[in-house]
Amino acid sequence: MSDRLPERVNPYRLADQGRELRGTYPLDLMPRLAEAVAETTGEAVVHLIFTRSVAGLALIEGEIEATLGLICQRCLGLMNYPVKTKFTVALVPDEAAAGSILDEFDPMVIPDELFVRDLIEDELMLSLPLIARHESEEACEETMQEYLHKEFEPDAVEVDKKPNPFEVLSSLKDKH
């Protein structure tokens, strides 16, 4: 088996043959993922198994591992977010067939060809957290630690005192 994944495959034929695909895919070649993350360096390690269910459905059982560069919403620093996702999808030729799939499988409409990058990218997008944060405050960048723990006291804040432009009017009032 090659380390390079094919660009597209006929998943129904691979399911009939009981084939497996293993390899890596560069994260920087996934445009939708690039918009959702801060950094797209590295590769996704992919293992896909094409099989048929007892009922004859074409299935893809997959596992994807990658480290995604996200922005921590606590400290606004770059954080590495490890992803290890497992999934099983049932392949169907059209939307009508997707409605008949049991709840145990997620249907995926694939008329004839599967673009492997799209499958990988979809699964990585689904694994992104709603709010990216380091696991603890201590893991945030050191430059933000002081800010996160700083106690703000109203007396400590100096307000710049500017001259009141109406003071001149008060002096005129006193004269008359």
N, C-alpha and C. Protein backbone atom coordinates (compact mmCIF):
# COMPACT_ATOMS: atom_id res chain seq x y z
N MET A 1 0.83 -1.19 0.00
CA MET A 1 0.00 0.00 0.00
C MET A 1 0.87 1.25 0.00
N SER A 2 0.48 2.20 -0.78
CA SER A 2 1.24 3.43 -0.95
C SER A 2 0.92 4.42 0.16
N ASP A 3 1.84 5.34 0.41
CA ASP A 3 1.63 6.39 1.40
C ASP A 3 0.79 7.52 0.83
N ARG A 4 0.71 7.57 -0.49
CA ARG A 4 -0.05 8.61 -1.17
C ARG A 4 -1.46 8.09 -1.48
N LEU A 5 -2.45 8.86 -1.05
CA LEU A 5 -3.83 8.47 -1.30
C LEU A 5 -4.25 8.90 -2.70
N PRO A 6 -5.10 8.14 -3.35
CA PRO A 6 -5.57 8.55 -4.67
C PRO A 6 -6.48 9.78 -4.54
N GLU A 7 -6.56 10.53 -5.61
CA GLU A 7 -7.40 11.74 -5.62
C GLU A 7 -8.88 11.37 -5.58
N ARG A 8 -9.27 10.40 -6.37
CA ARG A 8 -10.66 9.95 -6.39
C ARG A 8 -10.71 8.45 -6.63
N VAL A 9 -11.80 7.85 -6.13
CA VAL A 9 -11.95 6.40 -6.23
C VAL A 9 -13.41 6.07 -6.53
N ASN A 10 -13.65 4.86 -6.99
CA ASN A 10 -15.00 4.33 -7.10
C ASN A 10 -15.23 3.54 -5.81
N PRO A 11 -15.95 4.12 -4.84
CA PRO A 11 -16.07 3.46 -3.54
C PRO A 11 -16.90 2.18 -3.59
N TYR A 12 -17.81 2.06 -4.54
CA TYR A 12 -18.63 0.85 -4.65
C TYR A 12 -17.78 -0.34 -5.10
N ARG A 13 -16.88 -0.09 -6.02
CA ARG A 13 -15.98 -1.15 -6.47
C ARG A 13 -15.03 -1.56 -5.35
N LEU A 14 -14.50 -0.56 -4.63
CA LEU A 14 -13.60 -0.87 -3.51
C LEU A 14 -14.33 -1.64 -2.41
N ALA A 15 -15.62 -1.32 -2.17
CA ALA A 15 -16.40 -2.04 -1.17
C ALA A 15 -16.62 -3.49 -1.60
N ASP A 16 -16.88 -3.69 -2.89
CA ASP A 16 -17.05 -5.05 -3.41
C ASP A 16 -15.77 -5.87 -3.23
N GLN A 17 -14.63 -5.20 -3.37
CA GLN A 17 -13.33 -5.88 -3.26
C GLN A 17 -12.82 -5.95 -1.82
N GLY A 18 -13.48 -5.24 -0.90
CA GLY A 18 -13.04 -5.23 0.51
C GLY A 18 -11.67 -4.59 0.67
N ARG A 19 -11.43 -3.49 -0.02
CA ARG A 19 -10.11 -2.85 -0.04
C ARG A 19 -9.92 -1.89 1.12
N GLU A 20 -8.66 -1.60 1.38
CA GLU A 20 -8.26 -0.61 2.39
C GLU A 20 -7.34 0.41 1.73
N LEU A 21 -7.46 1.65 2.18
CA LEU A 21 -6.53 2.70 1.75
C LEU A 21 -5.88 3.28 2.99
N ARG A 22 -4.57 3.37 2.96
CA ARG A 22 -3.81 4.00 4.04
C ARG A 22 -2.88 5.02 3.42
N GLY A 23 -2.74 6.13 4.12
CA GLY A 23 -1.81 7.12 3.61
C GLY A 23 -1.95 8.44 4.34
N THR A 24 -1.32 9.45 3.78
CA THR A 24 -1.37 10.77 4.37
C THR A 24 -1.91 11.75 3.34
N TYR A 25 -2.44 12.85 3.85
CA TYR A 25 -2.93 13.90 2.96
C TYR A 25 -2.55 15.24 3.55
N PRO A 26 -1.88 16.12 2.80
CA PRO A 26 -1.44 17.41 3.32
C PRO A 26 -2.64 18.30 3.70
N LEU A 27 -2.56 18.90 4.88
CA LEU A 27 -3.64 19.77 5.35
C LEU A 27 -3.75 21.05 4.51
N ASP A 28 -2.64 21.51 3.95
CA ASP A 28 -2.69 22.75 3.19
C ASP A 28 -3.38 22.61 1.83
N LEU A 29 -3.77 21.39 1.45
CA LEU A 29 -4.50 21.18 0.20
C LEU A 29 -6.01 21.13 0.43
N MET A 30 -6.46 21.49 1.64
CA MET A 30 -7.89 21.47 1.97
C MET A 30 -8.36 22.90 2.18
N PRO A 31 -8.95 23.53 1.15
CA PRO A 31 -9.29 24.96 1.23
C PRO A 31 -10.34 25.30 2.27
N ARG A 32 -11.37 24.47 2.44
CA ARG A 32 -12.40 24.78 3.44
C ARG A 32 -11.84 24.68 4.85
N LEU A 33 -10.98 23.71 5.08
CA LEU A 33 -10.36 23.57 6.39
C LEU A 33 -9.43 24.75 6.66
N ALA A 34 -8.72 25.20 5.63
CA ALA A 34 -7.79 26.33 5.79
C ALA A 34 -8.52 27.59 6.25
N GLU A 35 -9.77 27.77 5.84
CA GLU A 35 -10.55 28.92 6.28
C GLU A 35 -10.98 28.82 7.74
N ALA A 36 -11.07 27.60 8.26
CA ALA A 36 -11.58 27.39 9.61
C ALA A 36 -10.49 27.28 10.67
N VAL A 37 -9.24 27.12 10.26
CA VAL A 37 -8.15 26.97 11.22
C VAL A 37 -7.11 28.08 11.00
N ALA A 38 -6.20 28.22 11.96
CA ALA A 38 -5.19 29.26 11.86
C ALA A 38 -3.96 28.80 11.08
N GLU A 39 -3.69 27.52 11.11
CA GLU A 39 -2.47 26.99 10.49
C GLU A 39 -2.76 25.64 9.85
N THR A 40 -2.26 25.45 8.64
CA THR A 40 -2.50 24.19 7.93
C THR A 40 -1.19 23.49 7.58
N THR A 41 -0.29 23.44 8.52
CA THR A 41 0.94 22.69 8.28
C THR A 41 0.73 21.26 8.76
N GLY A 42 1.44 20.36 8.16
CA GLY A 42 1.33 18.96 8.57
C GLY A 42 0.43 18.18 7.64
N GLU A 43 0.17 16.95 8.06
CA GLU A 43 -0.61 16.03 7.24
C GLU A 43 -1.63 15.29 8.10
N ALA A 44 -2.66 14.83 7.44
CA ALA A 44 -3.64 13.96 8.08
C ALA A 44 -3.24 12.52 7.76
N VAL A 45 -3.21 11.68 8.77
CA VAL A 45 -2.93 10.27 8.58
C VAL A 45 -4.29 9.57 8.46
N VAL A 46 -4.50 8.87 7.36
CA VAL A 46 -5.82 8.36 7.01
C VAL A 46 -5.78 6.84 6.82
N HIS A 47 -6.83 6.19 7.35
CA HIS A 47 -7.02 4.75 7.13
C HIS A 47 -8.49 4.55 6.79
N LEU A 48 -8.78 4.08 5.59
CA LEU A 48 -10.15 3.87 5.13
C LEU A 48 -10.33 2.40 4.76
N ILE A 49 -11.42 1.81 5.27
CA ILE A 49 -11.76 0.42 4.95
C ILE A 49 -13.10 0.43 4.23
N PHE A 50 -13.13 -0.11 3.03
CA PHE A 50 -14.34 -0.19 2.22
C PHE A 50 -14.92 -1.60 2.36
N THR A 51 -16.17 -1.68 2.81
CA THR A 51 -16.81 -2.99 3.02
C THR A 51 -18.27 -2.91 2.59
N ARG A 52 -18.93 -4.03 2.70
CA ARG A 52 -20.39 -4.12 2.49
C ARG A 52 -21.03 -4.59 3.79
N SER A 53 -22.18 -3.99 4.12
CA SER A 53 -22.92 -4.41 5.31
C SER A 53 -23.65 -5.71 5.01
N VAL A 54 -24.27 -6.29 6.04
CA VAL A 54 -25.05 -7.50 5.86
C VAL A 54 -26.19 -7.25 4.88
N ALA A 55 -26.74 -6.03 4.92
CA ALA A 55 -27.84 -5.67 4.01
C ALA A 55 -27.35 -5.30 2.61
N GLY A 56 -26.04 -5.28 2.40
CA GLY A 56 -25.48 -4.99 1.08
C GLY A 56 -25.11 -3.54 0.85
N LEU A 57 -25.19 -2.69 1.89
CA LEU A 57 -24.80 -1.29 1.74
C LEU A 57 -23.28 -1.16 1.65
N ALA A 58 -22.82 -0.29 0.77
CA ALA A 58 -21.39 0.02 0.70
C ALA A 58 -21.06 0.92 1.89
N LEU A 59 -20.04 0.55 2.65
CA LEU A 59 -19.64 1.29 3.84
C LEU A 59 -18.19 1.73 3.75
N ILE A 60 -17.92 2.85 4.38
CA ILE A 60 -16.53 3.27 4.59
C ILE A 60 -16.35 3.42 6.09
N GLU A 61 -15.44 2.63 6.63
CA GLU A 61 -15.05 2.77 8.03
C GLU A 61 -13.70 3.46 8.01
N GLY A 62 -13.63 4.60 8.66
CA GLY A 62 -12.40 5.37 8.57
C GLY A 62 -11.88 5.86 9.90
N GLU A 63 -10.60 6.18 9.87
CA GLU A 63 -9.93 6.79 11.02
C GLU A 63 -8.97 7.84 10.47
N ILE A 64 -9.05 9.03 11.06
CA ILE A 64 -8.19 10.13 10.63
C ILE A 64 -7.52 10.74 11.86
N GLU A 65 -6.21 10.95 11.75
CA GLU A 65 -5.44 11.61 12.81
C GLU A 65 -4.73 12.82 12.21
N ALA A 66 -4.81 13.93 12.92
CA ALA A 66 -4.12 15.15 12.47
C ALA A 66 -3.96 16.07 13.67
N THR A 67 -3.08 17.03 13.53
CA THR A 67 -2.93 18.10 14.52
C THR A 67 -3.22 19.40 13.80
N LEU A 68 -4.27 20.07 14.29
CA LEU A 68 -4.73 21.30 13.65
C LEU A 68 -4.28 22.50 14.47
N GLY A 69 -3.87 23.56 13.80
CA GLY A 69 -3.46 24.80 14.47
C GLY A 69 -4.66 25.72 14.60
N LEU A 70 -5.11 25.92 15.84
CA LEU A 70 -6.28 26.77 16.11
C LEU A 70 -5.86 27.95 16.97
N ILE A 71 -6.72 28.97 17.02
CA ILE A 71 -6.49 30.12 17.88
C ILE A 71 -7.28 29.92 19.17
N CYS A 72 -6.58 29.92 20.30
CA CYS A 72 -7.21 29.78 21.61
C CYS A 72 -8.05 31.04 21.86
N GLN A 73 -9.30 30.86 22.19
CA GLN A 73 -10.19 31.99 22.42
C GLN A 73 -10.02 32.58 23.82
N ARG A 74 -9.19 31.97 24.65
CA ARG A 74 -8.90 32.52 25.97
C ARG A 74 -7.71 33.47 25.90
N CYS A 75 -6.63 33.03 25.23
CA CYS A 75 -5.41 33.85 25.22
C CYS A 75 -5.07 34.39 23.83
N LEU A 76 -5.81 33.98 22.82
CA LEU A 76 -5.59 34.38 21.43
C LEU A 76 -4.24 33.93 20.87
N GLY A 77 -3.66 32.92 21.50
CA GLY A 77 -2.42 32.35 21.01
C GLY A 77 -2.69 31.10 20.18
N LEU A 78 -1.71 30.70 19.41
CA LEU A 78 -1.82 29.50 18.59
C LEU A 78 -1.77 28.27 19.48
N MET A 79 -2.64 27.32 19.23
CA MET A 79 -2.63 26.07 19.99
C MET A 79 -2.72 24.89 19.02
N ASN A 80 -2.09 23.81 19.39
CA ASN A 80 -2.18 22.58 18.61
C ASN A 80 -3.35 21.77 19.13
N TYR A 81 -4.25 21.41 18.24
CA TYR A 81 -5.45 20.66 18.60
C TYR A 81 -5.36 19.28 17.93
N PRO A 82 -5.07 18.25 18.72
CA PRO A 82 -4.97 16.91 18.13
C PRO A 82 -6.36 16.34 17.83
N VAL A 83 -6.48 15.74 16.66
CA VAL A 83 -7.74 15.13 16.24
C VAL A 83 -7.49 13.67 15.95
N LYS A 84 -8.33 12.82 16.51
CA LYS A 84 -8.32 11.40 16.16
C LYS A 84 -9.79 11.01 16.08
N THR A 85 -10.27 10.91 14.87
CA THR A 85 -11.69 10.66 14.66
C THR A 85 -11.91 9.33 13.94
N LYS A 86 -12.94 8.63 14.39
CA LYS A 86 -13.37 7.39 13.73
C LYS A 86 -14.79 7.60 13.25
N PHE A 87 -15.09 7.05 12.09
CA PHE A 87 -16.41 7.24 11.51
C PHE A 87 -16.78 6.06 10.63
N THR A 88 -18.08 5.90 10.42
CA THR A 88 -18.60 4.92 9.48
C THR A 88 -19.71 5.60 8.69
N VAL A 89 -19.60 5.59 7.39
CA VAL A 89 -20.63 6.17 6.53
C VAL A 89 -21.13 5.12 5.56
N ALA A 90 -22.43 5.20 5.27
CA ALA A 90 -23.04 4.32 4.27
C ALA A 90 -23.15 5.12 2.98
N LEU A 91 -22.70 4.55 1.90
CA LEU A 91 -22.73 5.22 0.59
C LEU A 91 -24.04 4.91 -0.11
N VAL A 92 -24.66 5.97 -0.61
CA VAL A 92 -25.91 5.82 -1.35
C VAL A 92 -25.80 6.62 -2.65
N PRO A 93 -26.48 6.16 -3.72
CA PRO A 93 -26.35 6.83 -5.01
C PRO A 93 -27.14 8.13 -5.14
N ASP A 94 -28.20 8.33 -4.31
CA ASP A 94 -29.01 9.54 -4.43
C ASP A 94 -29.69 9.87 -3.10
N GLU A 95 -30.33 11.04 -3.05
CA GLU A 95 -30.99 11.52 -1.83
C GLU A 95 -32.14 10.60 -1.41
N ALA A 96 -32.85 10.04 -2.37
CA ALA A 96 -33.98 9.18 -2.04
C ALA A 96 -33.51 7.95 -1.26
N ALA A 97 -32.39 7.39 -1.66
CA ALA A 97 -31.84 6.22 -0.96
C ALA A 97 -31.30 6.60 0.41
N ALA A 98 -30.87 7.85 0.58
CA ALA A 98 -30.33 8.29 1.87
C ALA A 98 -31.39 8.27 2.96
N GLY A 99 -32.65 8.53 2.60
CA GLY A 99 -33.73 8.52 3.57
C GLY A 99 -34.04 7.14 4.12
N SER A 100 -33.66 6.11 3.41
CA SER A 100 -33.96 4.75 3.85
C SER A 100 -32.85 4.13 4.71
N ILE A 101 -31.77 4.87 4.95
CA ILE A 101 -30.65 4.34 5.75
C ILE A 101 -31.04 4.33 7.22
N LEU A 102 -30.71 3.27 7.91
CA LEU A 102 -30.98 3.17 9.35
C LEU A 102 -30.13 4.18 10.11
N ASP A 103 -30.53 4.45 11.35
CA ASP A 103 -29.83 5.43 12.17
C ASP A 103 -28.41 5.03 12.56
N GLU A 104 -28.06 3.76 12.40
CA GLU A 104 -26.72 3.34 12.82
C GLU A 104 -25.62 3.85 11.90
N PHE A 105 -25.98 4.27 10.68
CA PHE A 105 -25.00 4.79 9.73
C PHE A 105 -25.37 6.21 9.31
N ASP A 106 -24.35 7.01 9.05
CA ASP A 106 -24.56 8.32 8.44
C ASP A 106 -24.53 8.12 6.93
N PRO A 107 -25.59 8.55 6.23
CA PRO A 107 -25.57 8.38 4.77
C PRO A 107 -24.70 9.43 4.09
N MET A 108 -24.07 9.03 3.01
CA MET A 108 -23.27 9.94 2.21
C MET A 108 -23.64 9.69 0.75
N VAL A 109 -24.15 10.74 0.09
CA VAL A 109 -24.58 10.60 -1.30
C VAL A 109 -23.37 10.68 -2.22
N ILE A 110 -23.07 9.56 -2.87
CA ILE A 110 -21.95 9.46 -3.82
C ILE A 110 -22.49 8.73 -5.05
N PRO A 111 -22.78 9.46 -6.13
CA PRO A 111 -23.32 8.79 -7.32
C PRO A 111 -22.36 7.75 -7.92
N ASP A 112 -21.09 8.12 -8.09
CA ASP A 112 -20.17 7.14 -8.69
C ASP A 112 -18.73 7.29 -8.22
N GLU A 113 -18.25 8.53 -8.05
CA GLU A 113 -16.86 8.74 -7.63
C GLU A 113 -16.80 9.48 -6.31
N LEU A 114 -15.83 9.09 -5.50
CA LEU A 114 -15.60 9.75 -4.22
C LEU A 114 -14.28 10.50 -4.31
N PHE A 115 -14.32 11.81 -4.02
CA PHE A 115 -13.09 12.57 -3.92
C PHE A 115 -12.58 12.39 -2.50
N VAL A 116 -11.48 11.72 -2.35
CA VAL A 116 -10.94 11.34 -1.05
C VAL A 116 -10.67 12.58 -0.19
N ARG A 117 -10.16 13.65 -0.80
CA ARG A 117 -9.90 14.87 -0.04
C ARG A 117 -11.16 15.42 0.60
N ASP A 118 -12.28 15.38 -0.12
CA ASP A 118 -13.54 15.89 0.42
C ASP A 118 -13.99 15.11 1.65
N LEU A 119 -13.84 13.80 1.61
CA LEU A 119 -14.20 12.97 2.76
C LEU A 119 -13.33 13.32 3.96
N ILE A 120 -12.03 13.41 3.76
CA ILE A 120 -11.10 13.74 4.84
C ILE A 120 -11.40 15.12 5.40
N GLU A 121 -11.59 16.09 4.52
CA GLU A 121 -11.85 17.46 4.92
C GLU A 121 -13.16 17.57 5.71
N ASP A 122 -14.20 16.88 5.24
CA ASP A 122 -15.49 16.89 5.95
C ASP A 122 -15.34 16.35 7.37
N GLU A 123 -14.65 15.24 7.52
CA GLU A 123 -14.50 14.64 8.84
C GLU A 123 -13.66 15.51 9.77
N LEU A 124 -12.63 16.16 9.24
CA LEU A 124 -11.83 17.07 10.07
C LEU A 124 -12.64 18.29 10.47
N MET A 125 -13.45 18.81 9.57
CA MET A 125 -14.30 19.96 9.89
C MET A 125 -15.30 19.59 10.99
N LEU A 126 -15.85 18.39 10.93
CA LEU A 126 -16.80 17.95 11.95
C LEU A 126 -16.14 17.78 13.32
N SER A 127 -14.84 17.58 13.34
CA SER A 127 -14.14 17.36 14.61
C SER A 127 -13.66 18.65 15.27
N LEU A 128 -13.84 19.80 14.60
CA LEU A 128 -13.41 21.07 15.18
C LEU A 128 -14.27 21.42 16.39
N PRO A 129 -13.67 21.98 17.44
CA PRO A 129 -14.46 22.37 18.61
C PRO A 129 -15.27 23.63 18.31
N LEU A 130 -16.37 23.81 19.04
CA LEU A 130 -17.16 25.03 18.88
C LEU A 130 -16.36 26.24 19.32
N ILE A 131 -15.67 26.10 20.46
CA ILE A 131 -14.81 27.17 20.97
C ILE A 131 -13.45 26.56 21.26
N ALA A 132 -12.45 27.00 20.55
CA ALA A 132 -11.10 26.47 20.74
C ALA A 132 -10.46 27.13 21.96
N ARG A 133 -10.00 26.32 22.90
CA ARG A 133 -9.32 26.82 24.10
C ARG A 133 -8.28 25.80 24.54
N HIS A 134 -7.21 26.32 25.13
CA HIS A 134 -6.28 25.42 25.78
C HIS A 134 -7.04 24.70 26.89
N GLU A 135 -6.55 23.54 27.29
CA GLU A 135 -7.25 22.76 28.31
C GLU A 135 -7.32 23.49 29.65
N SER A 136 -6.33 24.30 29.95
CA SER A 136 -6.33 25.04 31.21
C SER A 136 -5.72 26.42 30.99
N GLU A 137 -5.95 27.31 31.96
CA GLU A 137 -5.37 28.65 31.86
C GLU A 137 -3.85 28.57 31.85
N GLU A 138 -3.31 27.62 32.60
CA GLU A 138 -1.85 27.49 32.69
C GLU A 138 -1.23 27.18 31.34
N ALA A 139 -1.99 26.55 30.47
CA ALA A 139 -1.46 26.20 29.15
C ALA A 139 -1.44 27.40 28.20
N CYS A 140 -2.16 28.46 28.55
CA CYS A 140 -2.17 29.65 27.70
C CYS A 140 -0.78 30.29 27.72
N GLU A 141 -0.53 31.08 26.74
CA GLU A 141 0.77 31.72 26.63
C GLU A 141 1.10 32.51 27.89
N GLU A 142 2.36 32.53 28.26
CA GLU A 142 2.79 33.22 29.48
C GLU A 142 2.49 34.71 29.44
N THR A 143 2.52 35.29 28.28
CA THR A 143 2.27 36.73 28.19
C THR A 143 0.84 37.08 28.59
N MET A 144 -0.07 36.13 28.47
CA MET A 144 -1.45 36.38 28.84
C MET A 144 -1.74 36.03 30.30
N GLN A 145 -0.87 35.31 30.96
CA GLN A 145 -1.12 34.90 32.34
C GLN A 145 -1.32 36.10 33.27
N GLU A 146 -0.48 37.10 33.13
CA GLU A 146 -0.59 38.27 33.98
C GLU A 146 -1.92 38.98 33.76
N TYR A 147 -2.31 39.09 32.54
CA TYR A 147 -3.58 39.75 32.23
C TYR A 147 -4.77 38.96 32.77
N LEU A 148 -4.73 37.63 32.64
CA LEU A 148 -5.85 36.81 33.08
C LEU A 148 -6.04 36.86 34.59
N HIS A 149 -4.96 37.06 35.34
CA HIS A 149 -5.05 37.04 36.80
C HIS A 149 -4.98 38.43 37.43
N LYS A 150 -4.90 39.45 36.64
CA LYS A 150 -4.78 40.81 37.15
C LYS A 150 -6.09 41.25 37.79
N GLU A 151 -5.97 41.85 38.96
CA GLU A 151 -7.16 42.39 39.62
C GLU A 151 -7.23 43.86 39.29
N PHE A 152 -8.35 44.26 38.75
CA PHE A 152 -8.52 45.65 38.38
C PHE A 152 -9.16 46.39 39.55
N GLU A 153 -8.46 47.43 40.04
CA GLU A 153 -8.98 48.24 41.12
C GLU A 153 -9.32 49.61 40.56
N PRO A 154 -10.50 50.13 40.93
CA PRO A 154 -10.87 51.43 40.38
C PRO A 154 -9.92 52.55 40.81
N ASP A 155 -9.31 52.45 42.00
CA ASP A 155 -8.40 53.48 42.47
C ASP A 155 -7.10 53.48 41.68
N ALA A 156 -6.73 52.31 41.15
CA ALA A 156 -5.46 52.19 40.46
C ALA A 156 -5.51 52.81 39.06
N VAL A 157 -6.68 53.03 38.56
CA VAL A 157 -6.82 53.57 37.22
C VAL A 157 -6.82 55.09 37.29
N GLU A 158 -5.88 55.70 36.61
CA GLU A 158 -5.81 57.15 36.60
C GLU A 158 -6.59 57.68 35.41
N VAL A 159 -7.41 58.65 35.69
CA VAL A 159 -8.20 59.27 34.62
C VAL A 159 -7.52 60.58 34.27
N ASP A 160 -7.26 60.76 33.00
CA ASP A 160 -6.66 62.02 32.56
C ASP A 160 -7.67 63.14 32.76
N LYS A 161 -7.24 64.16 33.51
CA LYS A 161 -8.13 65.30 33.75
C LYS A 161 -7.84 66.35 32.70
N LYS A 162 -8.86 66.63 31.93
CA LYS A 162 -8.73 67.64 30.88
C LYS A 162 -9.42 68.90 31.39
N PRO A 163 -8.94 70.04 30.97
CA PRO A 163 -9.59 71.28 31.41
C PRO A 163 -11.02 71.36 30.85
N ASN A 164 -11.90 71.86 31.67
CA ASN A 164 -13.30 72.01 31.29
C ASN A 164 -13.42 73.24 30.39
N PRO A 165 -13.92 73.08 29.18
CA PRO A 165 -14.00 74.23 28.27
C PRO A 165 -15.03 75.28 28.74
N PHE A 166 -15.89 74.94 29.66
CA PHE A 166 -16.91 75.87 30.12
C PHE A 166 -16.47 76.67 31.35
N GLU A 167 -15.26 76.43 31.83
CA GLU A 167 -14.76 77.20 32.98
C GLU A 167 -14.67 78.69 32.63
N VAL A 168 -14.37 78.99 31.41
CA VAL A 168 -14.30 80.38 30.97
C VAL A 168 -15.67 81.06 31.13
N LEU A 169 -16.71 80.36 30.86
CA LEU A 169 -18.07 80.92 31.00
C LEU A 169 -18.41 81.21 32.46
N SER A 170 -17.91 80.36 33.35
CA SER A 170 -18.21 80.61 34.76
C SER A 170 -17.53 81.89 35.23
N SER A 171 -16.35 82.20 34.72
CA SER A 171 -15.69 83.44 35.10
C SER A 171 -16.44 84.67 34.56
N LEU A 172 -17.04 84.55 33.38
CA LEU A 172 -17.84 85.63 32.82
C LEU A 172 -19.12 85.84 33.62
N LYS A 173 -19.69 84.79 34.11
CA LYS A 173 -20.91 84.86 34.89
C LYS A 173 -20.68 85.63 36.19
N ASP A 174 -19.50 85.41 36.80
CA ASP A 174 -19.19 86.07 38.06
C ASP A 174 -19.02 87.57 37.86
N LYS A 175 -18.57 87.99 36.69
CA LYS A 175 -18.35 89.40 36.40
C LYS A 175 -19.64 90.14 36.21
N HIS A 176 -20.68 89.51 35.75
CA HIS A 176 -21.93 90.21 35.46
C HIS A 176 -22.98 89.92 36.43
